[in-house]
Each structure stands twice: as structure tokens, then as C-alpha cells.
Amino acid sequence: MTDELKVRVHDYKRIETELLRRGAVFREERQIVDTYFNQPVPHEVLKIQRDQHNNWLVYLKPRDGKFEVVKFEKLADADGLHAELEAKFGIMSVLTKRCLFYDWGTYFLDFNLIEDFGEFLVITGEAPTVEMLAEVGVDNPERVTVPFNELPRTGYQLA
């Protein structure tokens, strides 16, 4: 099962240096816009993610303090689905970010550098742990839990 562990970081360059020293491999950089849709079930995440090449539908559910990746699929008609989801749920928030992607063993990592909000590290794979973060210099991580309607500008809530 694939999970995501998200944390706020305060110096992504320092952590990036340590990840590269420990064998992480840089894959790519992308400019991404995430549109989060309101959800009737608390703490679930539904978003359309767009970059300069593709569009994806992403659906996440909270599980054990992380997110279970329920769906991550490439979209042929993002505009049509966007209009349908906006009509059905409404838009909670839109985030613009620069993302740096890495492979680290069996995990995928990305730094989300979100305009006007902050820097975040996302570890995706089977059972990512907070202990993994300590290995690369993230002490006392501020875990990102889920979007809340009370935060329409940012879409993130810190645990």
C-alpha cells in the first residue's frame, strides 16, 4: 500500500544536500498548480494537479497519521472534470508551487516550495516513517495532516 508522509521543512537546501549524500537521485523539477475541492467526508483530499505537461486527479484518505493514496491518475479531460468537481463540491483552495522530485531507495520524495506559504517534504512509498526524516536532518517534524475548510487560502493544516 502506498502512503504519503508530509512535513514542513525550514531549510530544504540543507535537507536536499543530505538526501543526495545518502544516495537520493534528482529526477526533475516541475511548476505545479493544485486545485483542492471541498469534501463531504472530513479529512479526505480531492485535487486536480496541473503542471506544464500533464494533469492528474489525486484522491487521498487519512490513515495512521499519513495519507493513503487512493487514486493518482492522469487525466485526458482535466477542464471537464474540473468544472464537474467545482460544481459538485466547490473549490477549497488553489496552491502554486515549485516541486523538486527525487528517488531514494524504494521511496519517491518531493520538495513542495509553495508560494506565500512555505517549504514541505513529501515522502511517498510503503510505510514512510518519521525516523526516515531524522536520518536526513529533519528534527521535530511538523507533520501536515489534511486540508480544512477553515483554511481556504492555503489548504494545509499542520498537526
N, C-alpha and C. Protein backbone atom coordinates (compact mmCIF):
# COMPACT_ATOMS: atom_id res chain seq x y z
N MET A 1 0.84 -1.17 0.00
CA MET A 1 0.00 0.00 0.00
C MET A 1 0.89 1.24 0.00
N THR A 2 0.53 2.24 -0.79
CA THR A 2 1.31 3.45 -0.90
C THR A 2 0.75 4.51 0.04
N ASP A 3 1.65 5.14 0.82
CA ASP A 3 1.30 6.21 1.73
C ASP A 3 2.13 7.44 1.42
N GLU A 4 1.63 8.58 1.89
CA GLU A 4 2.38 9.82 1.82
C GLU A 4 2.59 10.34 3.24
N LEU A 5 3.79 10.75 3.54
CA LEU A 5 4.11 11.43 4.79
C LEU A 5 4.57 12.83 4.40
N LYS A 6 3.87 13.86 4.94
CA LYS A 6 4.17 15.24 4.58
C LYS A 6 4.59 16.00 5.82
N VAL A 7 5.68 16.77 5.68
CA VAL A 7 6.14 17.60 6.78
C VAL A 7 6.60 18.96 6.26
N ARG A 8 6.48 19.96 7.14
CA ARG A 8 7.03 21.28 6.82
C ARG A 8 8.53 21.20 7.07
N VAL A 9 9.31 21.82 6.21
CA VAL A 9 10.75 21.95 6.42
C VAL A 9 11.09 23.43 6.39
N HIS A 10 12.22 23.78 7.00
CA HIS A 10 12.58 25.19 7.10
C HIS A 10 13.84 25.53 6.33
N ASP A 11 14.53 24.51 5.80
CA ASP A 11 15.73 24.75 5.00
C ASP A 11 15.87 23.57 4.04
N TYR A 12 15.09 23.60 2.98
CA TYR A 12 15.07 22.44 2.08
C TYR A 12 16.44 22.19 1.46
N LYS A 13 17.24 23.22 1.25
CA LYS A 13 18.57 23.04 0.63
C LYS A 13 19.46 22.16 1.52
N ARG A 14 19.41 22.38 2.82
CA ARG A 14 20.22 21.58 3.75
C ARG A 14 19.78 20.12 3.71
N ILE A 15 18.47 19.90 3.70
CA ILE A 15 17.94 18.53 3.67
C ILE A 15 18.21 17.88 2.31
N GLU A 16 18.08 18.66 1.24
CA GLU A 16 18.39 18.15 -0.10
C GLU A 16 19.84 17.68 -0.17
N THR A 17 20.76 18.47 0.39
CA THR A 17 22.18 18.10 0.39
C THR A 17 22.39 16.77 1.10
N GLU A 18 21.72 16.59 2.24
CA GLU A 18 21.87 15.33 2.99
C GLU A 18 21.24 14.16 2.23
N LEU A 19 20.10 14.38 1.61
CA LEU A 19 19.47 13.32 0.81
C LEU A 19 20.39 12.87 -0.32
N LEU A 20 20.98 13.83 -1.03
CA LEU A 20 21.89 13.49 -2.14
C LEU A 20 23.11 12.75 -1.61
N ARG A 21 23.61 13.17 -0.46
CA ARG A 21 24.76 12.49 0.16
C ARG A 21 24.42 11.05 0.50
N ARG A 22 23.15 10.80 0.83
CA ARG A 22 22.70 9.45 1.21
C ARG A 22 22.15 8.65 0.03
N GLY A 23 22.39 9.12 -1.18
CA GLY A 23 22.05 8.32 -2.35
C GLY A 23 20.78 8.69 -3.09
N ALA A 24 20.08 9.73 -2.66
CA ALA A 24 18.90 10.15 -3.41
C ALA A 24 19.34 10.64 -4.79
N VAL A 25 18.47 10.43 -5.77
CA VAL A 25 18.77 10.82 -7.15
C VAL A 25 17.73 11.84 -7.61
N PHE A 26 18.20 13.01 -8.04
CA PHE A 26 17.30 14.04 -8.55
C PHE A 26 16.68 13.56 -9.85
N ARG A 27 15.36 13.72 -9.96
CA ARG A 27 14.63 13.29 -11.15
C ARG A 27 14.24 14.47 -12.03
N GLU A 28 13.53 15.46 -11.44
CA GLU A 28 13.06 16.57 -12.25
C GLU A 28 12.51 17.69 -11.36
N GLU A 29 12.32 18.85 -11.99
CA GLU A 29 11.65 19.98 -11.35
C GLU A 29 10.42 20.31 -12.18
N ARG A 30 9.33 20.62 -11.48
CA ARG A 30 8.08 20.99 -12.18
C ARG A 30 7.42 22.15 -11.46
N GLN A 31 6.70 22.96 -12.23
CA GLN A 31 5.85 24.01 -11.69
C GLN A 31 4.44 23.43 -11.66
N ILE A 32 3.80 23.43 -10.50
CA ILE A 32 2.52 22.73 -10.33
C ILE A 32 1.48 23.66 -9.70
N VAL A 33 0.25 23.50 -10.16
CA VAL A 33 -0.89 24.17 -9.53
C VAL A 33 -1.83 23.08 -9.06
N ASP A 34 -2.12 23.07 -7.75
CA ASP A 34 -3.06 22.11 -7.16
C ASP A 34 -4.36 22.83 -6.86
N THR A 35 -5.46 22.30 -7.36
CA THR A 35 -6.78 22.81 -7.02
C THR A 35 -7.45 21.80 -6.12
N TYR A 36 -7.71 22.20 -4.86
CA TYR A 36 -8.33 21.34 -3.87
C TYR A 36 -9.84 21.60 -3.87
N PHE A 37 -10.60 20.51 -3.86
CA PHE A 37 -12.06 20.61 -3.85
C PHE A 37 -12.57 20.27 -2.45
N ASN A 38 -13.60 21.01 -1.99
CA ASN A 38 -14.23 20.69 -0.71
C ASN A 38 -14.70 19.24 -0.74
N GLN A 39 -14.63 18.58 0.42
CA GLN A 39 -15.05 17.19 0.52
C GLN A 39 -16.07 17.01 1.63
N PRO A 40 -17.11 16.20 1.38
CA PRO A 40 -18.13 15.98 2.40
C PRO A 40 -17.62 15.12 3.56
N VAL A 41 -16.65 14.26 3.29
CA VAL A 41 -16.08 13.41 4.34
C VAL A 41 -14.88 14.15 4.93
N PRO A 42 -14.88 14.42 6.22
CA PRO A 42 -13.78 15.17 6.82
C PRO A 42 -12.43 14.51 6.56
N HIS A 43 -11.44 15.35 6.28
CA HIS A 43 -10.04 14.96 6.16
C HIS A 43 -9.68 14.21 4.89
N GLU A 44 -10.60 14.03 3.96
CA GLU A 44 -10.23 13.44 2.68
C GLU A 44 -9.80 14.55 1.73
N VAL A 45 -8.91 14.21 0.80
CA VAL A 45 -8.34 15.19 -0.12
C VAL A 45 -8.68 14.78 -1.55
N LEU A 46 -9.25 15.71 -2.29
CA LEU A 46 -9.51 15.51 -3.71
C LEU A 46 -8.99 16.74 -4.42
N LYS A 47 -8.07 16.53 -5.37
CA LYS A 47 -7.49 17.66 -6.07
C LYS A 47 -7.17 17.29 -7.51
N ILE A 48 -7.10 18.33 -8.32
CA ILE A 48 -6.55 18.21 -9.67
C ILE A 48 -5.21 18.90 -9.64
N GLN A 49 -4.21 18.19 -10.11
CA GLN A 49 -2.85 18.70 -10.13
C GLN A 49 -2.46 18.94 -11.59
N ARG A 50 -1.98 20.14 -11.86
CA ARG A 50 -1.60 20.50 -13.24
C ARG A 50 -0.15 20.98 -13.25
N ASP A 51 0.58 20.54 -14.27
CA ASP A 51 1.91 21.10 -14.50
C ASP A 51 2.03 21.46 -15.97
N GLN A 52 3.22 21.78 -16.41
CA GLN A 52 3.39 22.22 -17.79
C GLN A 52 3.19 21.12 -18.81
N HIS A 53 3.07 19.86 -18.38
CA HIS A 53 2.94 18.74 -19.32
C HIS A 53 1.64 17.94 -19.18
N ASN A 54 1.17 17.75 -17.94
CA ASN A 54 0.06 16.83 -17.70
C ASN A 54 -0.87 17.33 -16.60
N ASN A 55 -1.97 16.58 -16.44
CA ASN A 55 -2.95 16.83 -15.39
C ASN A 55 -3.28 15.49 -14.74
N TRP A 56 -3.46 15.52 -13.39
CA TRP A 56 -3.79 14.30 -12.66
C TRP A 56 -4.93 14.56 -11.70
N LEU A 57 -5.69 13.51 -11.46
CA LEU A 57 -6.68 13.50 -10.39
C LEU A 57 -6.03 12.78 -9.23
N VAL A 58 -6.06 13.40 -8.04
CA VAL A 58 -5.44 12.83 -6.86
C VAL A 58 -6.49 12.74 -5.76
N TYR A 59 -6.62 11.55 -5.18
CA TYR A 59 -7.57 11.33 -4.08
C TYR A 59 -6.81 10.65 -2.95
N LEU A 60 -6.81 11.29 -1.77
CA LEU A 60 -6.09 10.79 -0.60
C LEU A 60 -7.04 10.65 0.58
N LYS A 61 -6.79 9.62 1.40
CA LYS A 61 -7.55 9.42 2.64
C LYS A 61 -6.56 9.38 3.80
N PRO A 62 -6.93 9.98 4.94
CA PRO A 62 -6.04 9.90 6.10
C PRO A 62 -6.02 8.48 6.66
N ARG A 63 -4.81 8.04 7.05
CA ARG A 63 -4.68 6.72 7.67
C ARG A 63 -3.41 6.71 8.50
N ASP A 64 -3.57 6.46 9.78
CA ASP A 64 -2.43 6.35 10.70
C ASP A 64 -1.51 7.57 10.66
N GLY A 65 -2.08 8.75 10.59
CA GLY A 65 -1.28 9.97 10.61
C GLY A 65 -0.62 10.31 9.29
N LYS A 66 -0.90 9.53 8.26
CA LYS A 66 -0.37 9.78 6.92
C LYS A 66 -1.55 9.82 5.96
N PHE A 67 -1.26 9.89 4.68
CA PHE A 67 -2.30 9.83 3.66
C PHE A 67 -2.15 8.54 2.86
N GLU A 68 -3.24 7.84 2.68
CA GLU A 68 -3.27 6.69 1.78
C GLU A 68 -3.60 7.23 0.39
N VAL A 69 -2.79 6.86 -0.59
CA VAL A 69 -3.03 7.28 -1.96
C VAL A 69 -4.07 6.34 -2.56
N VAL A 70 -5.29 6.82 -2.67
CA VAL A 70 -6.39 6.02 -3.20
C VAL A 70 -6.40 6.07 -4.72
N LYS A 71 -6.12 7.26 -5.26
CA LYS A 71 -6.15 7.42 -6.72
C LYS A 71 -5.13 8.46 -7.12
N PHE A 72 -4.38 8.15 -8.17
CA PHE A 72 -3.46 9.09 -8.79
C PHE A 72 -3.48 8.73 -10.27
N GLU A 73 -4.34 9.41 -11.01
CA GLU A 73 -4.48 9.02 -12.42
C GLU A 73 -4.36 10.22 -13.35
N LYS A 74 -3.74 9.98 -14.47
CA LYS A 74 -3.57 11.00 -15.49
C LYS A 74 -4.92 11.29 -16.13
N LEU A 75 -5.17 12.56 -16.40
CA LEU A 75 -6.46 12.97 -16.94
C LEU A 75 -6.35 13.36 -18.41
N ALA A 76 -7.32 12.89 -19.18
CA ALA A 76 -7.41 13.28 -20.59
C ALA A 76 -8.17 14.60 -20.72
N ASP A 77 -9.21 14.79 -19.89
CA ASP A 77 -10.05 15.99 -19.95
C ASP A 77 -10.09 16.66 -18.58
N ALA A 78 -9.00 17.32 -18.20
CA ALA A 78 -8.93 17.96 -16.89
C ALA A 78 -9.92 19.11 -16.78
N ASP A 79 -10.12 19.87 -17.84
CA ASP A 79 -11.03 21.01 -17.76
C ASP A 79 -12.46 20.56 -17.49
N GLY A 80 -12.89 19.51 -18.17
CA GLY A 80 -14.24 19.00 -17.96
C GLY A 80 -14.44 18.47 -16.55
N LEU A 81 -13.47 17.71 -16.05
CA LEU A 81 -13.56 17.17 -14.69
C LEU A 81 -13.48 18.30 -13.67
N HIS A 82 -12.62 19.26 -13.92
CA HIS A 82 -12.51 20.41 -13.02
C HIS A 82 -13.86 21.10 -12.87
N ALA A 83 -14.52 21.37 -13.98
CA ALA A 83 -15.84 22.02 -13.94
C ALA A 83 -16.86 21.17 -13.19
N GLU A 84 -16.83 19.86 -13.42
CA GLU A 84 -17.76 18.94 -12.74
C GLU A 84 -17.52 18.93 -11.23
N LEU A 85 -16.25 18.83 -10.81
CA LEU A 85 -15.93 18.80 -9.38
C LEU A 85 -16.20 20.14 -8.71
N GLU A 86 -15.93 21.23 -9.42
CA GLU A 86 -16.22 22.55 -8.86
C GLU A 86 -17.72 22.72 -8.64
N ALA A 87 -18.53 22.27 -9.60
CA ALA A 87 -19.99 22.37 -9.45
C ALA A 87 -20.49 21.49 -8.32
N LYS A 88 -19.91 20.31 -8.17
CA LYS A 88 -20.38 19.37 -7.15
C LYS A 88 -19.91 19.72 -5.75
N PHE A 89 -18.62 20.13 -5.60
CA PHE A 89 -18.04 20.32 -4.27
C PHE A 89 -17.66 21.76 -3.94
N GLY A 90 -17.33 22.54 -4.94
CA GLY A 90 -16.76 23.86 -4.72
C GLY A 90 -15.26 23.76 -4.52
N ILE A 91 -14.57 24.86 -4.75
CA ILE A 91 -13.11 24.89 -4.61
C ILE A 91 -12.76 25.36 -3.20
N MET A 92 -11.90 24.59 -2.54
CA MET A 92 -11.43 24.96 -1.21
C MET A 92 -10.22 25.89 -1.30
N SER A 93 -9.24 25.52 -2.16
CA SER A 93 -8.05 26.35 -2.29
C SER A 93 -7.29 25.99 -3.56
N VAL A 94 -6.42 26.91 -3.95
CA VAL A 94 -5.53 26.69 -5.09
C VAL A 94 -4.12 27.05 -4.64
N LEU A 95 -3.19 26.11 -4.80
CA LEU A 95 -1.80 26.33 -4.40
C LEU A 95 -0.90 26.27 -5.62
N THR A 96 0.00 27.23 -5.74
CA THR A 96 1.00 27.25 -6.80
C THR A 96 2.34 26.92 -6.16
N LYS A 97 3.06 25.98 -6.77
CA LYS A 97 4.30 25.54 -6.14
C LYS A 97 5.34 25.10 -7.16
N ARG A 98 6.57 25.13 -6.70
CA ARG A 98 7.71 24.58 -7.44
C ARG A 98 8.04 23.26 -6.74
N CYS A 99 8.13 22.18 -7.50
CA CYS A 99 8.39 20.87 -6.91
C CYS A 99 9.68 20.28 -7.46
N LEU A 100 10.47 19.73 -6.56
CA LEU A 100 11.72 19.05 -6.89
C LEU A 100 11.54 17.58 -6.53
N PHE A 101 11.70 16.69 -7.51
CA PHE A 101 11.42 15.26 -7.33
C PHE A 101 12.71 14.45 -7.29
N TYR A 102 12.70 13.46 -6.39
CA TYR A 102 13.86 12.59 -6.18
C TYR A 102 13.40 11.15 -5.98
N ASP A 103 14.30 10.22 -6.29
CA ASP A 103 14.14 8.81 -5.93
C ASP A 103 15.13 8.55 -4.81
N TRP A 104 14.67 7.81 -3.78
CA TRP A 104 15.54 7.45 -2.66
C TRP A 104 15.20 6.02 -2.26
N GLY A 105 15.98 5.08 -2.73
CA GLY A 105 15.66 3.66 -2.50
C GLY A 105 14.32 3.35 -3.12
N THR A 106 13.39 2.82 -2.33
CA THR A 106 12.06 2.48 -2.84
C THR A 106 11.07 3.62 -2.66
N TYR A 107 11.55 4.79 -2.24
CA TYR A 107 10.66 5.93 -1.97
C TYR A 107 10.82 7.01 -3.02
N PHE A 108 9.74 7.76 -3.19
CA PHE A 108 9.75 8.94 -4.03
C PHE A 108 9.63 10.14 -3.09
N LEU A 109 10.46 11.14 -3.32
CA LEU A 109 10.47 12.33 -2.48
C LEU A 109 10.21 13.54 -3.34
N ASP A 110 9.52 14.50 -2.76
CA ASP A 110 9.46 15.79 -3.44
C ASP A 110 9.37 16.92 -2.44
N PHE A 111 10.11 17.97 -2.77
CA PHE A 111 10.02 19.21 -2.02
C PHE A 111 8.95 20.04 -2.70
N ASN A 112 7.98 20.49 -1.93
CA ASN A 112 6.94 21.39 -2.41
C ASN A 112 7.26 22.77 -1.86
N LEU A 113 7.67 23.68 -2.73
CA LEU A 113 8.01 25.04 -2.34
C LEU A 113 6.81 25.90 -2.75
N ILE A 114 5.92 26.13 -1.79
CA ILE A 114 4.60 26.71 -2.08
C ILE A 114 4.64 28.22 -1.89
N GLU A 115 4.23 28.91 -2.95
CA GLU A 115 4.21 30.37 -2.92
C GLU A 115 3.43 30.89 -1.72
N ASP A 116 4.03 31.84 -1.02
CA ASP A 116 3.38 32.53 0.10
C ASP A 116 2.97 31.60 1.24
N PHE A 117 3.56 30.40 1.30
CA PHE A 117 3.15 29.50 2.37
C PHE A 117 4.29 28.76 3.04
N GLY A 118 5.23 28.22 2.28
CA GLY A 118 6.33 27.52 2.93
C GLY A 118 6.88 26.37 2.13
N GLU A 119 7.81 25.66 2.77
CA GLU A 119 8.50 24.52 2.16
C GLU A 119 8.05 23.24 2.84
N PHE A 120 7.79 22.22 2.03
CA PHE A 120 7.31 20.94 2.54
C PHE A 120 8.05 19.81 1.86
N LEU A 121 8.22 18.71 2.58
CA LEU A 121 8.80 17.50 2.03
C LEU A 121 7.73 16.42 2.08
N VAL A 122 7.57 15.72 0.96
CA VAL A 122 6.61 14.62 0.86
C VAL A 122 7.39 13.36 0.54
N ILE A 123 7.19 12.32 1.36
CA ILE A 123 7.79 11.00 1.11
C ILE A 123 6.65 10.06 0.76
N THR A 124 6.75 9.43 -0.41
CA THR A 124 5.71 8.51 -0.87
C THR A 124 6.32 7.13 -1.05
N GLY A 125 5.62 6.12 -0.53
CA GLY A 125 6.07 4.75 -0.67
C GLY A 125 5.37 3.89 0.37
N GLU A 126 5.92 2.71 0.60
CA GLU A 126 5.31 1.81 1.56
C GLU A 126 5.80 2.15 2.97
N ALA A 127 4.87 2.60 3.81
CA ALA A 127 5.09 2.88 5.23
C ALA A 127 6.25 3.84 5.50
N PRO A 128 6.24 5.05 4.93
CA PRO A 128 7.28 6.02 5.30
C PRO A 128 7.15 6.40 6.77
N THR A 129 8.28 6.68 7.41
CA THR A 129 8.26 6.95 8.85
C THR A 129 8.94 8.28 9.19
N VAL A 130 8.61 8.78 10.36
CA VAL A 130 9.25 9.99 10.87
C VAL A 130 10.74 9.73 11.10
N GLU A 131 11.10 8.50 11.46
CA GLU A 131 12.50 8.15 11.68
C GLU A 131 13.34 8.37 10.42
N MET A 132 12.73 8.15 9.26
CA MET A 132 13.44 8.39 7.99
C MET A 132 13.83 9.86 7.89
N LEU A 133 12.97 10.73 8.40
CA LEU A 133 13.23 12.16 8.33
C LEU A 133 14.43 12.54 9.19
N ALA A 134 14.54 11.92 10.36
CA ALA A 134 15.66 12.21 11.24
C ALA A 134 16.99 11.88 10.57
N GLU A 135 16.99 10.84 9.74
CA GLU A 135 18.21 10.45 9.02
C GLU A 135 18.76 11.56 8.14
N VAL A 136 17.88 12.42 7.65
CA VAL A 136 18.30 13.47 6.73
C VAL A 136 18.24 14.86 7.37
N GLY A 137 18.12 14.90 8.69
CA GLY A 137 18.22 16.17 9.39
C GLY A 137 16.93 16.90 9.66
N VAL A 138 15.79 16.22 9.56
CA VAL A 138 14.52 16.85 9.91
C VAL A 138 14.19 16.44 11.34
N ASP A 139 14.49 17.34 12.28
CA ASP A 139 14.22 17.07 13.69
C ASP A 139 12.89 17.69 14.07
N ASN A 140 12.14 17.03 14.94
CA ASN A 140 10.83 17.52 15.38
C ASN A 140 9.96 17.97 14.21
N PRO A 141 9.67 17.06 13.29
CA PRO A 141 8.93 17.46 12.09
C PRO A 141 7.51 17.93 12.40
N GLU A 142 7.11 18.98 11.69
CA GLU A 142 5.73 19.46 11.75
C GLU A 142 4.98 18.70 10.67
N ARG A 143 4.21 17.71 11.08
CA ARG A 143 3.50 16.89 10.11
C ARG A 143 2.31 17.63 9.53
N VAL A 144 2.13 17.47 8.24
CA VAL A 144 0.97 18.04 7.56
C VAL A 144 -0.09 16.97 7.58
N THR A 145 -1.27 17.36 8.04
CA THR A 145 -2.34 16.38 8.10
C THR A 145 -3.25 16.53 6.90
N VAL A 146 -4.22 17.38 6.96
CA VAL A 146 -5.22 17.43 5.90
C VAL A 146 -5.71 18.86 5.66
N PRO A 147 -6.30 19.10 4.49
CA PRO A 147 -6.91 20.41 4.26
C PRO A 147 -8.17 20.58 5.10
N PHE A 148 -8.44 21.79 5.51
CA PHE A 148 -9.66 22.13 6.24
C PHE A 148 -10.33 23.31 5.58
N ASN A 149 -11.64 23.36 5.64
CA ASN A 149 -12.38 24.47 5.06
C ASN A 149 -12.02 25.79 5.72
N GLU A 150 -11.55 25.76 6.97
CA GLU A 150 -11.21 26.99 7.67
C GLU A 150 -9.96 27.64 7.10
N LEU A 151 -9.23 26.94 6.24
CA LEU A 151 -8.00 27.47 5.66
C LEU A 151 -8.13 27.55 4.14
N PRO A 152 -9.03 28.36 3.62
CA PRO A 152 -9.25 28.36 2.18
C PRO A 152 -8.07 28.86 1.37
N ARG A 153 -7.22 29.71 1.94
CA ARG A 153 -6.11 30.25 1.15
C ARG A 153 -5.00 29.22 0.98
N THR A 154 -4.73 28.45 2.02
CA THR A 154 -3.58 27.57 1.98
C THR A 154 -3.91 26.13 1.69
N GLY A 155 -4.98 25.62 2.26
CA GLY A 155 -5.34 24.23 2.03
C GLY A 155 -4.62 23.23 2.90
N TYR A 156 -3.64 23.64 3.72
CA TYR A 156 -2.91 22.70 4.56
C TYR A 156 -3.15 23.02 6.03
N GLN A 157 -3.18 22.00 6.83
CA GLN A 157 -3.25 22.15 8.29
C GLN A 157 -2.05 21.41 8.86
N LEU A 158 -1.33 22.04 9.75
CA LEU A 158 -0.20 21.38 10.39
C LEU A 158 -0.68 20.67 11.64
N ALA A 159 -0.15 19.47 11.87
CA ALA A 159 -0.53 18.70 13.05
C ALA A 159 0.08 19.31 14.28
